[in-house]
Amino acid sequence: MESVSVKYGSPDNPLKLGDITIECYVLEDGERVLLYSDIQSAMGFASGGSMVAGKNRLELFASRNRIAQNIPRHIQLKLESPIEIKKPSGAKAYALPAEVLPALCEAVVAAARMGVLQEQQLFIAHQCEVLLSGLSRVGIIALVDEATGYQRYREEQALQKILDAYILPEHRPWMKAVPVEFFQEMFRVFGWQHKAGNRGPRYAGKLVRNLIYRHLPKPVLPKLDEMNPSLPNYQRKYRHHQLLTEGFGLEHFRSQMSGVMALLRASNNRNEFNRLYLRAYGGQLDLDLGDG
């Protein structure tokens, strides 16, 4: 099969997740892909290695029953059929659709929780947890688009499709979208007193904005702010999540919230949380938290 030329992306602008880098590209048909060898390295596999039964280390690992049982069939098929791409330099390499990485990481973490991994494979599970802290099936597409510069060239129609997928034309009735535990953990880590019905310092709302909403695809938060502006009393008529679609919008919101909650649970104070956040998302919190 003839190799596929990439349309956007460069080895000089990889996807960055903390200290992990993965070459990423957008193909002519809009498919977002990640370099196969970089996926292996990011997950903790040694480079190279001989083939066994016609499979390399990653494919062989994923085909084992303890892992494969947690991988959706359509993802398994993509993993078994890597795409040969022609990089900007003309060099050929193999790549996988971007959504394979988070799905594969979720399968490995699930296997670890089931206790079916071998001891030497636990490092791979740890690497997958680190990757999942900065990824989601939806979020990785936005990350690839940003790294490759593809978002600068997307047609207005493509941007509108994202907004249509994430945002409702009008708000839905209020429902609890953030569990009480999330705020309990946030207040504990940042040293705020938590009481039932306590809204907490205004910094708490800013923190949720930076930790969750800013990780949705770039056009989403500005559109939410436009549709649901801040009032003179610094409140909004609705909760932003009331404008998110049940599918992509709330799914990504909940996925991001789960990743942040895992970091909060693992932290004893705000400094520890900032270090974990930096490692998982590759950037400090863009917020002066003050003393609350």
Protein backbone atom coordinates (compact mmCIF):
# COMPACT_ATOMS: atom_id res chain seq x y z
CA MET A 1 0.00 0.00 0.00
CA GLU A 2 1.29 3.44 -0.89
CA SER A 3 2.33 5.63 2.03
CA VAL A 4 0.08 8.57 2.94
CA SER A 5 1.50 12.10 2.89
CA VAL A 6 0.97 14.30 5.93
CA LYS A 7 -0.69 17.69 5.45
CA TYR A 8 0.03 19.31 8.81
CA GLY A 9 2.63 18.72 11.49
CA SER A 10 6.37 18.65 11.98
CA PRO A 11 8.88 16.68 14.08
CA ASP A 12 9.83 20.04 15.60
CA ASN A 13 6.32 20.53 17.02
CA PRO A 14 5.37 17.27 18.76
CA LEU A 15 2.49 16.64 21.11
CA LYS A 16 3.77 17.40 24.62
CA LEU A 17 2.39 15.76 27.75
CA GLY A 18 4.60 16.87 30.61
CA ASP A 19 8.08 15.59 29.74
CA ILE A 20 6.72 13.12 27.16
CA THR A 21 6.78 14.05 23.47
CA ILE A 22 4.99 12.26 20.62
CA GLU A 23 5.25 13.20 16.94
CA CYS A 24 1.78 13.90 15.58
CA TYR A 25 0.38 14.71 12.16
CA VAL A 26 -2.85 15.42 10.30
CA LEU A 27 -3.26 13.50 7.04
CA GLU A 28 -4.85 14.70 3.80
CA ASP A 29 -8.23 13.26 4.80
CA GLY A 30 -8.15 14.96 8.22
CA GLU A 31 -7.13 11.83 10.15
CA ARG A 32 -5.05 12.73 13.22
CA VAL A 33 -2.23 10.25 13.81
CA LEU A 34 0.58 9.65 16.30
CA LEU A 35 3.96 8.15 15.42
CA TYR A 36 3.91 4.45 16.31
CA SER A 37 7.42 4.36 17.76
CA ASP A 38 6.71 7.39 19.95
CA ILE A 39 3.56 5.74 21.32
CA GLN A 40 5.67 2.75 22.34
CA SER A 41 8.24 4.97 24.05
CA ALA A 42 5.57 7.04 25.81
CA MET A 43 4.00 3.88 27.25
CA GLY A 44 7.35 2.67 28.55
CA PHE A 45 8.31 0.07 25.94
CA ALA A 46 11.96 -0.21 24.99
CA SER A 47 12.64 0.80 21.39
CA GLY A 48 13.34 -1.82 18.78
CA GLY A 49 12.93 -5.46 19.63
CA SER A 50 12.39 -8.48 17.45
CA MET A 51 9.05 -9.52 16.02
CA VAL A 52 7.18 -12.43 17.59
CA ALA A 53 4.50 -14.13 15.51
CA GLY A 54 4.70 -11.16 13.14
CA LYS A 55 3.97 -8.67 15.92
CA ASN A 56 6.17 -6.05 17.59
CA ARG A 57 6.26 -5.46 21.36
CA LEU A 58 3.32 -3.09 21.55
CA GLU A 59 1.03 -5.14 19.30
CA LEU A 60 1.98 -8.37 21.06
CA PHE A 61 1.37 -6.82 24.49
CA ALA A 62 -2.03 -5.49 23.43
CA SER A 63 -3.06 -8.84 21.93
CA ARG A 64 -2.74 -10.70 25.25
CA ASN A 65 -6.13 -11.64 26.66
CA ARG A 66 -5.62 -9.69 29.89
CA ILE A 67 -5.25 -6.48 27.83
CA ALA A 68 -7.28 -7.27 24.69
CA GLN A 69 -10.46 -7.97 26.68
CA ASN A 70 -10.54 -4.28 27.63
CA ILE A 71 -9.91 -2.89 24.13
CA PRO A 72 -12.90 -2.15 21.86
CA ARG A 73 -12.79 -4.19 18.65
CA HIS A 74 -12.60 -1.15 16.35
CA ILE A 75 -9.55 0.10 18.29
CA GLN A 76 -7.94 -3.35 18.13
CA LEU A 77 -8.35 -3.35 14.34
CA LYS A 78 -6.65 0.05 14.06
CA LEU A 79 -3.82 -1.14 16.28
CA GLU A 80 -3.30 -4.16 14.04
CA SER A 81 -3.24 -2.01 10.88
CA PRO A 82 -0.84 0.91 11.37
CA ILE A 83 -0.77 3.58 8.67
CA GLU A 84 2.42 4.08 6.67
CA ILE A 85 2.95 7.84 6.38
CA LYS A 86 5.40 10.00 4.48
CA LYS A 87 6.77 12.64 6.85
CA PRO A 88 7.60 16.21 5.69
CA SER A 89 11.23 15.13 5.21
CA GLY A 90 10.12 12.38 2.84
CA ALA A 91 11.01 9.66 5.34
CA LYS A 92 8.47 6.90 5.83
CA ALA A 93 7.18 5.80 9.23
CA TYR A 94 4.24 4.03 10.79
CA ALA A 95 1.52 5.86 12.72
CA LEU A 96 -1.72 5.08 14.54
CA PRO A 97 -4.96 7.06 14.73
CA ALA A 98 -4.72 9.40 17.71
CA GLU A 99 -7.71 7.90 19.56
CA VAL A 100 -5.88 4.57 19.85
CA LEU A 101 -3.53 5.91 22.55
CA PRO A 102 -6.10 6.82 25.25
CA ALA A 103 -8.13 3.68 24.53
CA LEU A 104 -5.03 1.50 24.86
CA CYS A 105 -3.95 3.27 28.06
CA GLU A 106 -7.40 2.77 29.57
CA ALA A 107 -7.19 -0.96 28.79
CA VAL A 108 -3.79 -1.27 30.47
CA VAL A 109 -4.90 0.64 33.58
CA ALA A 110 -8.03 -1.53 33.78
CA ALA A 111 -5.88 -4.67 33.61
CA ALA A 112 -3.66 -3.32 36.39
CA ARG A 113 -6.69 -2.68 38.61
CA MET A 114 -7.89 -6.22 37.92
CA GLY A 115 -4.50 -7.48 39.14
CA VAL A 116 -3.73 -9.44 35.98
CA LEU A 117 -0.52 -7.67 34.92
CA GLN A 118 2.90 -9.16 35.56
CA GLU A 119 5.18 -7.27 37.93
CA GLN A 120 7.46 -6.05 35.14
CA GLN A 121 4.43 -4.62 33.33
CA LEU A 122 3.34 -2.35 36.19
CA PHE A 123 5.69 0.40 34.96
CA ILE A 124 3.74 0.43 31.69
CA ALA A 125 0.51 0.81 33.66
CA HIS A 126 2.03 3.73 35.59
CA GLN A 127 3.04 5.41 32.33
CA CYS A 128 -0.48 4.92 31.01
CA GLU A 129 -1.93 6.61 34.10
CA VAL A 130 0.38 9.59 33.52
CA LEU A 131 -0.72 9.80 29.89
CA LEU A 132 -4.40 9.53 30.78
CA SER A 133 -4.05 12.47 33.16
CA GLY A 134 -3.49 14.66 30.11
CA LEU A 135 -5.60 12.84 27.56
CA SER A 136 -9.13 11.84 26.74
CA ARG A 137 -10.65 10.35 23.60
CA VAL A 138 -11.99 13.76 22.73
CA GLY A 139 -9.19 15.86 24.15
CA ILE A 140 -6.39 14.22 22.21
CA ILE A 141 -7.88 15.46 18.93
CA ALA A 142 -7.70 19.04 20.16
CA LEU A 143 -4.14 18.47 21.43
CA VAL A 144 -3.00 17.11 18.07
CA ASP A 145 -4.65 19.99 16.23
CA GLU A 146 -2.83 22.46 18.46
CA ALA A 147 0.55 20.75 18.15
CA THR A 148 0.36 20.44 14.35
CA GLY A 149 -1.04 23.93 13.82
CA TYR A 150 -4.04 22.37 12.10
CA GLN A 151 -6.50 24.53 14.04
CA ARG A 152 -5.13 27.62 12.22
CA TYR A 153 -6.17 26.12 8.88
CA ARG A 154 -9.47 24.50 9.73
CA GLU A 155 -12.38 25.87 7.80
CA GLU A 156 -15.02 27.79 9.67
CA GLN A 157 -17.34 24.86 9.08
CA ALA A 158 -14.99 22.54 10.99
CA LEU A 159 -14.93 24.93 13.96
CA GLN A 160 -18.70 25.11 13.88
CA LYS A 161 -18.88 21.32 13.96
CA ILE A 162 -16.88 21.33 17.19
CA LEU A 163 -19.18 23.92 18.72
CA ASP A 164 -22.25 22.00 17.57
CA ALA A 165 -20.83 18.82 19.10
CA TYR A 166 -20.08 20.47 22.44
CA ILE A 167 -22.63 23.23 22.97
CA LEU A 168 -26.43 23.21 23.08
CA PRO A 169 -28.39 26.02 21.38
CA GLU A 170 -30.04 26.73 24.74
CA HIS A 171 -29.40 25.66 28.33
CA ARG A 172 -30.75 22.45 29.83
CA PRO A 173 -32.35 22.31 33.30
CA TRP A 174 -29.80 22.40 36.12
CA MET A 175 -28.32 19.10 37.24
CA LYS A 176 -25.39 18.20 39.45
CA ALA A 177 -22.42 17.74 37.11
CA VAL A 178 -19.59 18.03 39.64
CA PRO A 179 -19.70 15.59 42.59
CA VAL A 180 -19.40 16.93 46.12
CA GLU A 181 -16.20 14.90 46.52
CA PHE A 182 -14.48 17.04 43.88
CA PHE A 183 -15.02 20.20 45.92
CA GLN A 184 -14.18 18.42 49.17
CA GLU A 185 -10.83 17.35 47.73
CA MET A 186 -10.19 20.79 46.22
CA PHE A 187 -10.92 22.56 49.51
CA ARG A 188 -8.73 20.10 51.43
CA VAL A 189 -5.76 20.51 49.09
CA PHE A 190 -5.99 24.30 48.96
CA GLY A 191 -6.63 24.72 52.67
CA TRP A 192 -10.18 26.06 52.47
CA GLN A 193 -12.92 25.14 54.94
CA HIS A 194 -15.66 23.09 53.33
CA LYS A 195 -19.24 23.18 54.61
CA ALA A 196 -22.47 22.01 53.01
CA GLY A 197 -23.83 24.79 50.81
CA ASN A 198 -20.62 26.80 51.16
CA ARG A 199 -19.71 28.34 47.81
CA GLY A 200 -16.15 28.83 49.01
CA PRO A 201 -13.80 31.56 47.86
CA ARG A 202 -14.29 33.00 44.38
CA TYR A 203 -10.92 31.44 43.56
CA ALA A 204 -12.67 28.04 43.64
CA GLY A 205 -14.76 28.96 40.61
CA LYS A 206 -11.69 30.27 38.79
CA LEU A 207 -9.89 27.05 39.63
CA VAL A 208 -12.67 24.90 38.11
CA ARG A 209 -12.56 27.12 35.02
CA ASN A 210 -8.81 26.59 34.59
CA LEU A 211 -8.71 22.93 35.56
CA ILE A 212 -11.68 21.75 33.50
CA TYR A 213 -13.18 24.20 31.02
CA ARG A 214 -9.85 25.42 29.62
CA HIS A 215 -9.05 21.84 28.61
CA LEU A 216 -12.06 21.62 26.29
CA PRO A 217 -11.30 22.39 22.61
CA LYS A 218 -10.24 26.01 22.21
CA PRO A 219 -13.42 27.49 20.71
CA VAL A 220 -15.68 26.03 23.41
CA LEU A 221 -14.93 28.18 26.48
CA PRO A 222 -15.08 31.53 24.61
CA LYS A 223 -18.43 30.46 23.14
CA LEU A 224 -19.72 29.49 26.59
CA ASP A 225 -18.63 32.88 27.94
CA GLU A 226 -20.42 34.58 25.05
CA MET A 227 -23.66 32.65 25.57
CA ASN A 228 -23.54 32.80 29.36
CA PRO A 229 -21.74 36.06 30.28
CA SER A 230 -20.70 37.10 33.76
CA LEU A 231 -23.22 39.42 35.46
CA PRO A 232 -22.36 42.55 37.51
CA ASN A 233 -22.41 40.45 40.70
CA TYR A 234 -19.73 38.15 39.18
CA GLN A 235 -22.27 35.32 38.89
CA ARG A 236 -23.70 33.80 35.68
CA LYS A 237 -27.31 33.06 34.86
CA TYR A 238 -26.51 29.38 34.27
CA ARG A 239 -23.74 26.95 35.02
CA HIS A 240 -21.58 26.55 31.93
CA HIS A 241 -22.12 22.78 32.00
CA GLN A 242 -25.85 23.36 31.41
CA LEU A 243 -24.89 24.41 27.86
CA LEU A 244 -22.75 21.35 27.11
CA THR A 245 -24.13 18.56 24.94
CA GLU A 246 -24.85 15.19 26.52
CA GLY A 247 -22.37 13.51 24.19
CA PHE A 248 -19.04 15.16 23.44
CA GLY A 249 -19.48 18.14 25.74
CA LEU A 250 -20.34 16.48 29.04
CA GLU A 251 -18.26 13.39 28.20
CA HIS A 252 -15.10 15.50 27.85
CA PHE A 253 -16.06 17.61 30.88
CA ARG A 254 -16.43 14.50 33.06
CA SER A 255 -13.27 12.91 31.68
CA GLN A 256 -11.23 16.00 32.47
CA MET A 257 -12.82 16.28 35.91
CA SER A 258 -11.94 12.65 36.69
CA GLY A 259 -8.31 13.24 35.74
CA VAL A 260 -8.08 16.32 37.97
CA MET A 261 -9.81 14.54 40.86
CA ALA A 262 -7.18 11.79 40.70
CA LEU A 263 -4.46 14.44 41.07
CA LEU A 264 -6.31 16.09 43.97
CA ARG A 265 -6.67 12.77 45.80
CA ALA A 266 -2.94 12.15 45.44
CA SER A 267 -2.00 15.59 46.83
CA ASN A 268 -1.58 16.72 50.43
CA ASN A 269 -1.37 20.43 49.63
CA ARG A 270 -1.46 22.92 46.76
CA ASN A 271 2.29 22.67 46.11
CA GLU A 272 2.08 18.90 45.62
CA PHE A 273 -0.95 19.38 43.38
CA ASN A 274 0.88 21.98 41.27
CA ARG A 275 3.78 19.56 40.77
CA LEU A 276 1.45 16.74 39.70
CA TYR A 277 -0.50 19.09 37.45
CA LEU A 278 2.73 20.27 35.80
CA ARG A 279 3.75 16.68 35.15
CA ALA A 280 0.35 15.63 33.80
CA TYR A 281 -0.55 18.68 31.73
CA GLY A 282 2.81 20.32 31.06
CA GLY A 283 2.00 23.73 32.52
CA GLN A 284 1.50 25.58 35.79
CA LEU A 285 -1.99 26.69 36.78
CA ASP A 286 -2.67 30.06 35.16
CA LEU A 287 -4.18 31.43 38.36
CA ASP A 288 -2.94 33.43 41.33
CA LEU A 289 -4.78 31.51 44.02
CA GLY A 290 -3.93 33.90 46.80
CA ASP A 291 -4.80 32.72 50.29
CA GLY A 292 -8.54 32.21 49.61
